[in-house]
Amino acid sequence: MEYTFYIIIIGLLLSPISLAYEVNKVFKSTLMTKEEIRRYVIIICALPIFGIVLYRQAESRKRKERYFGNKEEGQRW
């Protein structure tokens, strides 16, 4: 299970790099400036990292609920 998680993370981190390369080739044939191309490539590369952060937060929340039980809605940690 632990290895599967790391394989998924590596795949998520490598796929936007190859996608960004392909997108960069397509954008070079259009009339976009380098700043616009760079902005799109950064967004494409940042999306999986954002997804990983959200996944880790959800796992942490589930782990807390499993160990400490569900708290009432009004209570906070």
N, C-alpha and C. Protein backbone atom coordinates (compact mmCIF):
# COMPACT_ATOMS: atom_id res chain seq x y z
N MET A 1 0.83 -1.20 0.00
CA MET A 1 0.00 0.00 0.00
C MET A 1 0.87 1.25 0.00
N GLU A 2 1.89 1.25 0.85
CA GLU A 2 2.76 2.42 0.95
C GLU A 2 3.50 2.65 -0.37
N TYR A 3 3.95 1.57 -1.00
CA TYR A 3 4.68 1.71 -2.27
C TYR A 3 3.76 2.23 -3.37
N THR A 4 2.52 1.80 -3.36
CA THR A 4 1.57 2.25 -4.37
C THR A 4 1.39 3.76 -4.29
N PHE A 5 1.32 4.29 -3.09
CA PHE A 5 1.15 5.73 -2.90
C PHE A 5 2.34 6.48 -3.51
N TYR A 6 3.55 6.00 -3.25
CA TYR A 6 4.73 6.68 -3.79
C TYR A 6 4.82 6.56 -5.30
N ILE A 7 4.40 5.43 -5.85
CA ILE A 7 4.39 5.28 -7.31
C ILE A 7 3.40 6.26 -7.93
N ILE A 8 2.24 6.43 -7.30
CA ILE A 8 1.24 7.38 -7.81
C ILE A 8 1.80 8.81 -7.74
N ILE A 9 2.49 9.14 -6.65
CA ILE A 9 3.06 10.49 -6.51
C ILE A 9 4.10 10.73 -7.60
N ILE A 10 4.97 9.75 -7.83
CA ILE A 10 6.00 9.92 -8.87
C ILE A 10 5.34 10.08 -10.24
N GLY A 11 4.31 9.31 -10.51
CA GLY A 11 3.60 9.45 -11.77
C GLY A 11 2.93 10.80 -11.92
N LEU A 12 2.35 11.29 -10.83
CA LEU A 12 1.71 12.60 -10.88
C LEU A 12 2.72 13.72 -11.06
N LEU A 13 3.91 13.54 -10.53
CA LEU A 13 4.92 14.58 -10.69
C LEU A 13 5.58 14.54 -12.07
N LEU A 14 5.69 13.36 -12.66
CA LEU A 14 6.34 13.26 -13.97
C LEU A 14 5.39 13.56 -15.12
N SER A 15 4.12 13.25 -14.98
CA SER A 15 3.20 13.46 -16.09
C SER A 15 3.05 14.93 -16.48
N PRO A 16 2.99 15.89 -15.55
CA PRO A 16 2.88 17.27 -16.01
C PRO A 16 4.13 17.78 -16.72
N ILE A 17 5.29 17.19 -16.40
CA ILE A 17 6.51 17.63 -17.07
C ILE A 17 6.44 17.25 -18.54
N SER A 18 6.02 16.01 -18.82
CA SER A 18 5.89 15.61 -20.22
C SER A 18 4.74 16.36 -20.90
N LEU A 19 3.67 16.59 -20.17
CA LEU A 19 2.55 17.34 -20.73
C LEU A 19 2.96 18.78 -21.01
N ALA A 20 3.73 19.37 -20.10
CA ALA A 20 4.20 20.74 -20.31
C ALA A 20 5.10 20.83 -21.53
N TYR A 21 5.91 19.80 -21.75
CA TYR A 21 6.77 19.79 -22.94
C TYR A 21 5.93 19.77 -24.22
N GLU A 22 4.90 18.93 -24.24
CA GLU A 22 4.03 18.86 -25.41
C GLU A 22 3.25 20.17 -25.61
N VAL A 23 2.75 20.72 -24.51
CA VAL A 23 2.01 21.97 -24.59
C VAL A 23 2.92 23.09 -25.08
N ASN A 24 4.18 23.07 -24.61
CA ASN A 24 5.14 24.08 -25.04
C ASN A 24 5.38 23.99 -26.55
N LYS A 25 5.46 22.77 -27.08
CA LYS A 25 5.64 22.61 -28.52
C LYS A 25 4.44 23.17 -29.28
N VAL A 26 3.23 22.93 -28.77
CA VAL A 26 2.02 23.43 -29.43
C VAL A 26 1.97 24.95 -29.34
N PHE A 27 2.29 25.50 -28.16
CA PHE A 27 2.21 26.94 -27.98
C PHE A 27 3.24 27.70 -28.81
N LYS A 28 4.37 27.05 -29.08
CA LYS A 28 5.38 27.73 -29.90
C LYS A 28 4.87 27.98 -31.31
N SER A 29 3.95 27.15 -31.77
CA SER A 29 3.41 27.34 -33.11
C SER A 29 2.31 28.39 -33.12
N THR A 30 1.86 28.85 -31.94
CA THR A 30 0.83 29.89 -31.87
C THR A 30 1.48 31.24 -31.65
N LEU A 31 0.67 32.26 -31.52
CA LEU A 31 1.19 33.61 -31.35
C LEU A 31 1.18 34.04 -29.88
N MET A 32 1.62 33.16 -28.99
CA MET A 32 1.65 33.49 -27.57
C MET A 32 3.05 33.95 -27.18
N THR A 33 3.10 34.80 -26.17
CA THR A 33 4.39 35.27 -25.70
C THR A 33 5.00 34.23 -24.75
N LYS A 34 6.28 34.38 -24.47
CA LYS A 34 6.93 33.43 -23.57
C LYS A 34 6.37 33.50 -22.15
N GLU A 35 5.95 34.68 -21.72
CA GLU A 35 5.38 34.80 -20.37
C GLU A 35 4.07 34.04 -20.25
N GLU A 36 3.24 34.11 -21.28
CA GLU A 36 1.98 33.36 -21.25
C GLU A 36 2.24 31.86 -21.26
N ILE A 37 3.19 31.42 -22.07
CA ILE A 37 3.53 29.99 -22.12
C ILE A 37 4.03 29.54 -20.76
N ARG A 38 4.91 30.33 -20.15
CA ARG A 38 5.47 29.97 -18.85
C ARG A 38 4.37 29.89 -17.79
N ARG A 39 3.41 30.80 -17.85
CA ARG A 39 2.30 30.79 -16.88
C ARG A 39 1.48 29.51 -17.00
N TYR A 40 1.16 29.10 -18.23
CA TYR A 40 0.39 27.88 -18.42
C TYR A 40 1.17 26.65 -17.98
N VAL A 41 2.45 26.61 -18.25
CA VAL A 41 3.27 25.46 -17.85
C VAL A 41 3.34 25.37 -16.33
N ILE A 42 3.48 26.49 -15.66
CA ILE A 42 3.52 26.49 -14.19
C ILE A 42 2.19 26.00 -13.62
N ILE A 43 1.09 26.44 -14.19
CA ILE A 43 -0.23 25.99 -13.72
C ILE A 43 -0.39 24.49 -13.91
N ILE A 44 0.02 23.99 -15.07
CA ILE A 44 -0.10 22.55 -15.35
C ILE A 44 0.74 21.75 -14.35
N CYS A 45 1.93 22.24 -14.02
CA CYS A 45 2.80 21.52 -13.10
C CYS A 45 2.34 21.64 -11.65
N ALA A 46 1.64 22.71 -11.30
CA ALA A 46 1.23 22.93 -9.92
C ALA A 46 -0.03 22.16 -9.54
N LEU A 47 -0.87 21.81 -10.51
CA LEU A 47 -2.13 21.14 -10.19
C LEU A 47 -1.95 19.81 -9.48
N PRO A 48 -1.06 18.90 -9.92
CA PRO A 48 -0.92 17.64 -9.18
C PRO A 48 -0.37 17.84 -7.77
N ILE A 49 0.51 18.81 -7.59
CA ILE A 49 1.04 19.07 -6.25
C ILE A 49 -0.08 19.54 -5.33
N PHE A 50 -0.96 20.40 -5.84
CA PHE A 50 -2.12 20.85 -5.07
C PHE A 50 -3.03 19.66 -4.73
N GLY A 51 -3.21 18.75 -5.68
CA GLY A 51 -4.02 17.56 -5.43
C GLY A 51 -3.41 16.67 -4.36
N ILE A 52 -2.09 16.53 -4.37
CA ILE A 52 -1.41 15.72 -3.35
C ILE A 52 -1.59 16.33 -1.98
N VAL A 53 -1.47 17.65 -1.89
CA VAL A 53 -1.65 18.33 -0.59
C VAL A 53 -3.07 18.11 -0.07
N LEU A 54 -4.06 18.24 -0.93
CA LEU A 54 -5.44 18.00 -0.50
C LEU A 54 -5.66 16.56 -0.07
N TYR A 55 -5.06 15.61 -0.79
CA TYR A 55 -5.17 14.20 -0.44
C TYR A 55 -4.57 13.93 0.93
N ARG A 56 -3.39 14.50 1.20
CA ARG A 56 -2.74 14.29 2.49
C ARG A 56 -3.56 14.90 3.63
N GLN A 57 -4.17 16.05 3.40
CA GLN A 57 -5.01 16.67 4.43
C GLN A 57 -6.23 15.80 4.72
N ALA A 58 -6.82 15.24 3.68
CA ALA A 58 -7.99 14.38 3.89
C ALA A 58 -7.59 13.11 4.65
N GLU A 59 -6.43 12.53 4.31
CA GLU A 59 -5.97 11.35 5.03
C GLU A 59 -5.71 11.67 6.50
N SER A 60 -5.12 12.83 6.76
CA SER A 60 -4.85 13.23 8.14
C SER A 60 -6.15 13.41 8.91
N ARG A 61 -7.13 14.02 8.26
CA ARG A 61 -8.43 14.23 8.92
C ARG A 61 -9.10 12.89 9.23
N LYS A 62 -9.03 11.95 8.28
CA LYS A 62 -9.63 10.64 8.52
C LYS A 62 -8.93 9.91 9.66
N ARG A 63 -7.60 10.04 9.72
CA ARG A 63 -6.83 9.39 10.77
C ARG A 63 -7.20 9.95 12.14
N LYS A 64 -7.35 11.28 12.23
CA LYS A 64 -7.75 11.90 13.49
C LYS A 64 -9.12 11.41 13.92
N GLU A 65 -10.05 11.33 12.97
CA GLU A 65 -11.40 10.88 13.32
C GLU A 65 -11.39 9.42 13.77
N ARG A 66 -10.52 8.61 13.17
CA ARG A 66 -10.46 7.21 13.54
C ARG A 66 -9.93 7.05 14.97
N TYR A 67 -8.92 7.82 15.34
CA TYR A 67 -8.32 7.68 16.66
C TYR A 67 -9.11 8.38 17.75
N PHE A 68 -9.66 9.54 17.46
CA PHE A 68 -10.31 10.33 18.50
C PHE A 68 -11.82 10.35 18.39
N GLY A 69 -12.39 9.75 17.37
CA GLY A 69 -13.83 9.77 17.19
C GLY A 69 -14.28 11.07 16.56
N ASN A 70 -15.50 11.07 16.07
CA ASN A 70 -16.03 12.29 15.43
C ASN A 70 -16.38 13.30 16.51
N LYS A 71 -15.96 14.51 16.31
CA LYS A 71 -16.31 15.59 17.24
C LYS A 71 -17.60 16.23 16.77
N GLU A 72 -18.26 16.88 17.72
CA GLU A 72 -19.47 17.61 17.33
C GLU A 72 -19.09 18.78 16.44
N GLU A 73 -20.06 19.26 15.68
CA GLU A 73 -19.77 20.29 14.70
C GLU A 73 -19.24 21.57 15.32
N GLY A 74 -19.71 21.92 16.50
CA GLY A 74 -19.30 23.16 17.12
C GLY A 74 -17.91 23.10 17.74
N GLN A 75 -17.43 21.90 18.04
CA GLN A 75 -16.13 21.79 18.69
C GLN A 75 -15.01 21.83 17.66
N ARG A 76 -13.89 22.39 18.09
CA ARG A 76 -12.69 22.44 17.25
C ARG A 76 -11.55 21.76 17.99
N TRP A 77 -10.49 21.44 17.27
CA TRP A 77 -9.33 20.82 17.90
C TRP A 77 -8.63 21.82 18.75
